[in-house]
Structures are given as structure tokens and as C-alpha cells.
């Protein structure tokens, strides 16, 4: 049951695919056509066309339902583990064994001596110092890639044909194309919210923009920081268990692969 709950929690993020498809749709169908103001023979402001996709409450209800499902998944896993640990502790007491102590002295994981082979073995193993540099370099590379992946354009949209010509004519015949990074997409969503200027759109589109930045940019960085702390920071066994749970939760809420 524990494995099943774990996999349901891991795969839960993929239920947000439809929300991220809508985010791409917001950019794809955001079209603005204005009459050229650099042609003197045309009246100023002769025509103006703004086309956009407006999310409605059905989509927001779907998104909220997925939020609730993921939160419930974390709670169910928590109480499942709590019940399993209580049962294991009761069994140890019944068998006359000494319960394992989770209130140990703080220790850095990289400095821990790992026991080999079997319980009565005297063999111990420690991680080589080169592994620290490899891990640090890997996490630093990950952080750089996350920042670059969110700051650099990840997709582009080009308008062709008659509509593209109309767009270009109102933009001094610059090519009718736009490139979006994660931050650009979030900014475009907020611009649309301000353009519509209704409370529901400001709250709804603001939530979508926040979801994009938090889950694709901030959560992966927080997960990398937790992994770094797990390896280098001195922790008791109880603190390490809580940090492991935190890493697991952050992994469930980071949507980089869903965005890609």
C-alpha cells in the first residue's frame, strides 16, 4: 500500500498537463492587430483587434481539484507512515527489542560511517571526498540550468498569412513573431489579467502565473537546497527524516517536466 500511495503521489503532477496546455494556448492565441499609425493617408486608430483566450471557472475548478488531490495525497502518506511506524514500535516492544532511537546527535551524512554486509559486521565505509565535489558540481549545474531554462526563450510563435501581414503593418512591418520564456509567459498572463481588469480574471490569471513561476522555477531551486542540506548539514535522524519528506513533497510540486 505504501508503494502504491508513493507512486500516486509521484504521478499526481501529470494531472496538471491540461492546465499547462492552457498556458501555452494563452500565448498562442494572444493576437493584437492595430492600424498603422505611420501611414499618413490612414486615419489614426482606424481599427484595432485584440484576440485572447479567457479561462473560465471550469478550468479553475479543475486546477483547484488537482491542488486538493495532491494535498490529500501528502496527508494520506503521512498518516500511513505514522501508523506503520507505530505498529513497528509496538512489535519491537512485544518482542523485547530496544526501540530504535531517532533522537541521535547531529551528524553530517557525508561523514557517516556506513555499515556493510550484515548487522554484526565490523566493516565500515565512508564516502570519498571527491564525491562531495561531484555532488556540489551537479547541484550547481542543475541550478544554472533551471535559471537559464526559465530566463531564456523556451518556445516561439509566428503569425503567417494575411493575419500576419495585418499584425506586421501595425508594427512597422516587423516580423510577426514572439518568443516566450517562463518569466515572459507569466508576464504575458498578468498583462492579460490587467487588460481584462476584472476581479475574477486578476485572481484567476494571477494564480496561473504564480503557479507557473513557483512550480517551474522556485520549487526546483528549493528542492536542490534541501538536497544540499541533506548531504552537508549536520542533522539528527529525526531532522533528516523530516528533510527527506520535504524533498519528497517538493518533488511532487515541481512541474519542470510537465512544462517541457
Protein backbone atom coordinates (compact mmCIF):
# COMPACT_ATOMS: atom_id res chain seq x y z
CA UNK A 1 0.00 0.00 0.00
CA UNK A 2 2.84 2.37 0.83
CA UNK A 3 4.42 1.90 -2.61
CA UNK A 4 1.06 2.45 -4.30
CA UNK A 5 0.48 5.69 -2.36
CA UNK A 6 4.02 6.82 -3.18
CA UNK A 7 3.56 6.29 -6.94
CA UNK A 8 0.18 8.01 -6.90
CA UNK A 9 1.88 10.98 -5.24
CA UNK A 10 4.76 10.98 -7.74
CA UNK A 11 2.47 10.76 -10.79
CA UNK A 12 -0.07 13.26 -9.47
CA UNK A 13 1.75 16.19 -11.08
CA UNK A 14 0.89 14.88 -14.55
CA UNK A 15 -2.78 15.67 -13.93
CA UNK A 16 -1.73 19.32 -14.39
CA UNK A 17 -0.87 18.78 -18.07
CA UNK A 18 -4.19 20.26 -19.21
CA UNK A 19 -3.55 23.43 -17.17
CA UNK A 20 -0.10 23.86 -18.74
CA UNK A 21 -1.57 23.25 -22.20
CA UNK A 22 -3.94 26.14 -21.49
CA UNK A 23 -0.98 28.33 -20.51
CA UNK A 24 0.55 27.67 -23.94
CA UNK A 25 -2.83 28.36 -25.53
CA UNK A 26 -2.97 31.76 -23.82
CA UNK A 27 0.25 32.70 -25.60
CA UNK A 28 -0.65 31.02 -28.91
CA UNK A 29 -3.95 32.83 -29.35
CA UNK A 30 -2.86 36.19 -27.92
CA UNK A 31 -3.15 38.34 -31.04
CA UNK A 32 -3.12 42.10 -31.32
CA UNK A 33 -3.75 43.90 -34.62
CA UNK A 34 -3.59 47.70 -34.74
CA UNK A 35 -3.97 50.08 -37.66
CA UNK A 36 -0.61 51.51 -38.78
CA UNK A 37 0.00 54.99 -37.39
CA UNK A 38 2.97 55.64 -39.66
CA UNK A 39 0.86 55.84 -42.83
CA UNK A 40 -0.44 59.39 -43.17
CA UNK A 41 -3.28 58.53 -45.57
CA UNK A 42 -4.97 56.31 -42.95
CA UNK A 43 -6.96 57.82 -40.06
CA UNK A 44 -5.33 57.29 -36.70
CA UNK A 45 -6.85 54.37 -34.79
CA UNK A 46 -8.86 53.19 -37.80
CA UNK A 47 -9.10 49.65 -36.45
CA UNK A 48 -7.86 47.62 -33.52
CA UNK A 49 -8.28 43.90 -32.90
CA UNK A 50 -7.40 42.04 -29.72
CA UNK A 51 -7.91 38.27 -29.63
CA UNK A 52 -7.29 36.29 -26.48
CA UNK A 53 -8.31 33.15 -24.63
CA UNK A 54 -10.13 33.75 -21.35
CA UNK A 55 -10.04 30.87 -18.83
CA UNK A 56 -13.36 30.32 -17.06
CA UNK A 57 -14.41 28.77 -13.78
CA UNK A 58 -14.46 25.23 -15.18
CA UNK A 59 -10.69 25.30 -15.64
CA UNK A 60 -10.09 26.94 -12.27
CA UNK A 61 -12.28 24.30 -10.59
CA UNK A 62 -10.23 21.58 -12.30
CA UNK A 63 -6.98 23.19 -11.13
CA UNK A 64 -8.25 23.56 -7.54
CA UNK A 65 -9.41 19.92 -7.53
CA UNK A 66 -5.90 18.85 -8.51
CA UNK A 67 -4.40 21.00 -5.73
CA UNK A 68 -6.73 19.38 -3.19
CA UNK A 69 -5.91 15.89 -4.54
CA UNK A 70 -2.15 16.45 -4.14
CA UNK A 71 -2.54 17.86 -0.62
CA UNK A 72 -4.73 14.90 0.37
CA UNK A 73 -2.11 12.56 -1.11
CA UNK A 74 0.55 14.05 1.22
CA UNK A 75 -1.77 13.72 4.24
CA UNK A 76 -2.67 10.11 3.46
CA UNK A 77 1.00 9.16 3.05
CA UNK A 78 1.83 10.93 6.33
CA UNK A 79 -0.77 9.02 8.32
CA UNK A 80 0.08 5.76 6.58
CA UNK A 81 3.72 6.11 7.64
CA UNK A 82 2.71 7.24 11.13
CA UNK A 83 0.53 4.14 11.54
CA UNK A 84 3.24 1.85 10.14
CA UNK A 85 5.88 3.29 12.49
CA UNK A 86 3.55 2.91 15.48
CA UNK A 87 2.90 -0.73 14.53
CA UNK A 88 6.63 -1.41 14.11
CA UNK A 89 7.37 0.18 17.51
CA UNK A 90 4.66 -1.92 19.16
CA UNK A 91 6.10 -5.06 17.56
CA UNK A 92 9.61 -4.25 18.83
CA UNK A 93 8.25 -3.81 22.36
CA UNK A 94 6.32 -7.10 22.15
CA UNK A 95 9.47 -8.92 21.02
CA UNK A 96 11.52 -7.38 23.82
CA UNK A 97 13.74 -5.43 21.46
CA UNK A 98 15.18 -1.99 22.17
CA UNK A 99 13.23 0.59 20.14
CA UNK A 100 15.35 2.48 17.65
CA UNK A 101 16.21 5.98 18.79
CA UNK A 102 15.55 8.79 16.29
CA UNK A 103 16.86 11.47 18.68
CA UNK A 104 20.53 10.93 17.84
CA UNK A 105 23.30 13.51 17.86
CA UNK A 106 23.50 15.75 14.75
CA UNK A 107 25.70 14.24 12.07
CA UNK A 108 26.66 15.16 8.52
CA UNK A 109 25.57 12.47 6.10
CA UNK A 110 28.79 12.70 4.07
CA UNK A 111 30.82 11.97 7.23
CA UNK A 112 28.70 9.00 8.32
CA UNK A 113 30.32 5.56 8.53
CA UNK A 114 28.01 3.18 6.70
CA UNK A 115 27.77 -0.39 7.94
CA UNK A 116 28.47 -3.08 5.34
CA UNK A 117 27.28 -6.62 4.71
CA UNK A 118 25.25 -7.51 7.80
CA UNK A 119 24.29 -6.33 11.28
CA UNK A 120 27.19 -7.92 13.16
CA UNK A 121 29.78 -6.81 10.61
CA UNK A 122 32.65 -4.60 11.73
CA UNK A 123 33.24 -3.26 8.22
CA UNK A 124 32.51 0.41 7.65
CA UNK A 125 32.53 2.61 4.57
CA UNK A 126 32.77 6.37 4.15
CA UNK A 127 32.17 8.41 1.04
CA UNK A 128 35.26 9.64 -0.77
CA UNK A 129 35.94 13.35 -0.68
CA UNK A 130 35.76 13.54 -4.47
CA UNK A 131 32.07 12.62 -4.23
CA UNK A 132 31.39 15.91 -2.42
CA UNK A 133 32.78 17.88 -5.32
CA UNK A 134 30.85 15.80 -7.86
CA UNK A 135 27.60 16.29 -5.93
CA UNK A 136 28.21 20.02 -5.45
CA UNK A 137 29.03 20.47 -9.14
CA UNK A 138 25.94 18.51 -10.16
CA UNK A 139 23.65 20.62 -7.96
CA UNK A 140 25.30 23.86 -9.15
CA UNK A 141 24.86 22.76 -12.78
CA UNK A 142 21.24 21.93 -12.05
CA UNK A 143 20.62 25.40 -10.55
CA UNK A 144 22.27 27.10 -13.55
CA UNK A 145 20.18 25.07 -15.99
CA UNK A 146 16.97 25.88 -14.09
CA UNK A 147 17.71 29.61 -14.13
CA UNK A 148 18.73 29.59 -17.80
CA UNK A 149 15.77 27.40 -18.73
CA UNK A 150 13.34 29.86 -17.14
CA UNK A 151 15.06 33.05 -18.32
CA UNK A 152 15.81 32.06 -21.93
CA UNK A 153 13.03 31.63 -24.54
CA UNK A 154 11.57 28.12 -24.47
CA UNK A 155 9.16 28.45 -27.40
CA UNK A 156 8.20 30.92 -30.12
CA UNK A 157 5.06 31.80 -32.05
CA UNK A 158 5.00 33.22 -35.58
CA UNK A 159 1.88 34.52 -37.32
CA UNK A 160 1.82 33.98 -41.09
CA UNK A 161 -0.52 34.75 -43.97
CA UNK A 162 -2.96 37.65 -44.16
CA UNK A 163 -3.28 37.90 -40.39
CA UNK A 164 0.49 38.04 -40.08
CA UNK A 165 0.59 40.84 -42.64
CA UNK A 166 -2.01 42.81 -40.67
CA UNK A 167 -0.02 42.37 -37.46
CA UNK A 168 3.20 43.44 -39.17
CA UNK A 169 1.58 46.51 -40.76
CA UNK A 170 0.61 47.83 -37.34
CA UNK A 171 4.08 47.13 -36.01
CA UNK A 172 6.10 48.97 -38.68
CA UNK A 173 6.41 45.71 -40.62
CA UNK A 174 8.50 43.98 -38.02
CA UNK A 175 8.18 40.21 -38.24
CA UNK A 176 5.04 38.93 -36.51
CA UNK A 177 6.69 36.55 -34.08
CA UNK A 178 7.14 36.35 -30.34
CA UNK A 179 9.39 34.28 -28.10
CA UNK A 180 8.47 33.27 -24.56
CA UNK A 181 10.47 32.17 -21.58
CA UNK A 182 8.81 31.03 -18.36
CA UNK A 183 9.06 34.57 -17.00
CA UNK A 184 7.81 36.10 -20.27
CA UNK A 185 4.82 33.76 -20.27
CA UNK A 186 3.97 34.68 -16.67
CA UNK A 187 4.31 38.40 -17.53
CA UNK A 188 2.04 37.97 -20.58
CA UNK A 189 -0.60 36.25 -18.43
CA UNK A 190 -0.52 39.13 -15.94
CA UNK A 191 -0.73 41.66 -18.79
CA UNK A 192 -3.87 39.88 -19.99
CA UNK A 193 -5.30 39.98 -16.47
CA UNK A 194 -4.71 43.74 -16.28
CA UNK A 195 -6.21 44.18 -19.76
CA UNK A 196 -9.41 42.34 -18.78
CA UNK A 197 -9.37 44.21 -15.43
CA UNK A 198 -11.97 42.13 -13.58
CA UNK A 199 -11.54 40.68 -10.11
CA UNK A 200 -12.09 37.11 -11.28
CA UNK A 201 -9.51 37.43 -14.07
CA UNK A 202 -6.97 39.17 -11.84
CA UNK A 203 -7.28 36.42 -9.23
CA UNK A 204 -7.55 33.52 -11.68
CA UNK A 205 -4.84 34.56 -14.14
CA UNK A 206 -2.66 35.74 -11.26
CA UNK A 207 -2.94 32.26 -9.76
CA UNK A 208 -1.97 30.67 -13.10
CA UNK A 209 1.06 32.97 -13.44
CA UNK A 210 2.11 32.26 -9.85
CA UNK A 211 1.65 28.52 -10.40
CA UNK A 212 3.96 28.67 -13.41
CA UNK A 213 6.78 30.58 -11.70
CA UNK A 214 6.55 28.79 -8.34
CA UNK A 215 6.38 25.21 -9.64
CA UNK A 216 8.77 25.55 -12.58
CA UNK A 217 11.35 27.91 -11.03
CA UNK A 218 11.17 28.28 -7.24
CA UNK A 219 10.27 24.73 -6.18
CA UNK A 220 13.15 23.07 -8.13
CA UNK A 221 15.60 25.51 -6.53
CA UNK A 222 14.15 24.77 -3.08
CA UNK A 223 14.48 21.04 -3.77
CA UNK A 224 18.13 21.49 -4.74
CA UNK A 225 18.75 23.43 -1.50
CA UNK A 226 17.11 20.65 0.54
CA UNK A 227 19.23 18.01 -1.19
CA UNK A 228 22.35 20.05 -0.45
CA UNK A 229 21.33 20.34 3.21
CA UNK A 230 20.60 16.61 3.35
CA UNK A 231 24.18 15.82 2.40
CA UNK A 232 26.23 18.57 4.03
CA UNK A 233 24.21 19.92 7.01
CA UNK A 234 24.50 18.23 10.43
CA UNK A 235 21.11 16.72 11.33
CA UNK A 236 19.67 14.29 13.82
CA UNK A 237 17.96 11.21 12.45
CA UNK A 238 14.56 12.81 13.09
CA UNK A 239 15.56 16.03 11.32
CA UNK A 240 16.89 14.00 8.37
CA UNK A 241 13.61 12.10 8.14
CA UNK A 242 11.66 15.36 8.02
CA UNK A 243 14.02 16.77 5.39
CA UNK A 244 13.54 13.60 3.31
CA UNK A 245 9.77 14.10 3.48
CA UNK A 246 10.25 17.75 2.47
CA UNK A 247 12.32 16.69 -0.56
CA UNK A 248 9.60 14.22 -1.50
CA UNK A 249 6.89 16.89 -1.25
CA UNK A 250 8.92 19.39 -3.26
CA UNK A 251 9.46 16.71 -5.91
CA UNK A 252 5.70 16.26 -6.18
CA UNK A 253 5.17 20.03 -6.63
CA UNK A 254 7.93 20.77 -9.14
CA UNK A 255 6.46 20.79 -12.64
CA UNK A 256 9.51 21.30 -14.86
CA UNK A 257 8.90 18.11 -16.80
CA UNK A 258 5.19 18.91 -17.10
CA UNK A 259 6.03 22.30 -18.61
CA UNK A 260 8.52 20.70 -21.03
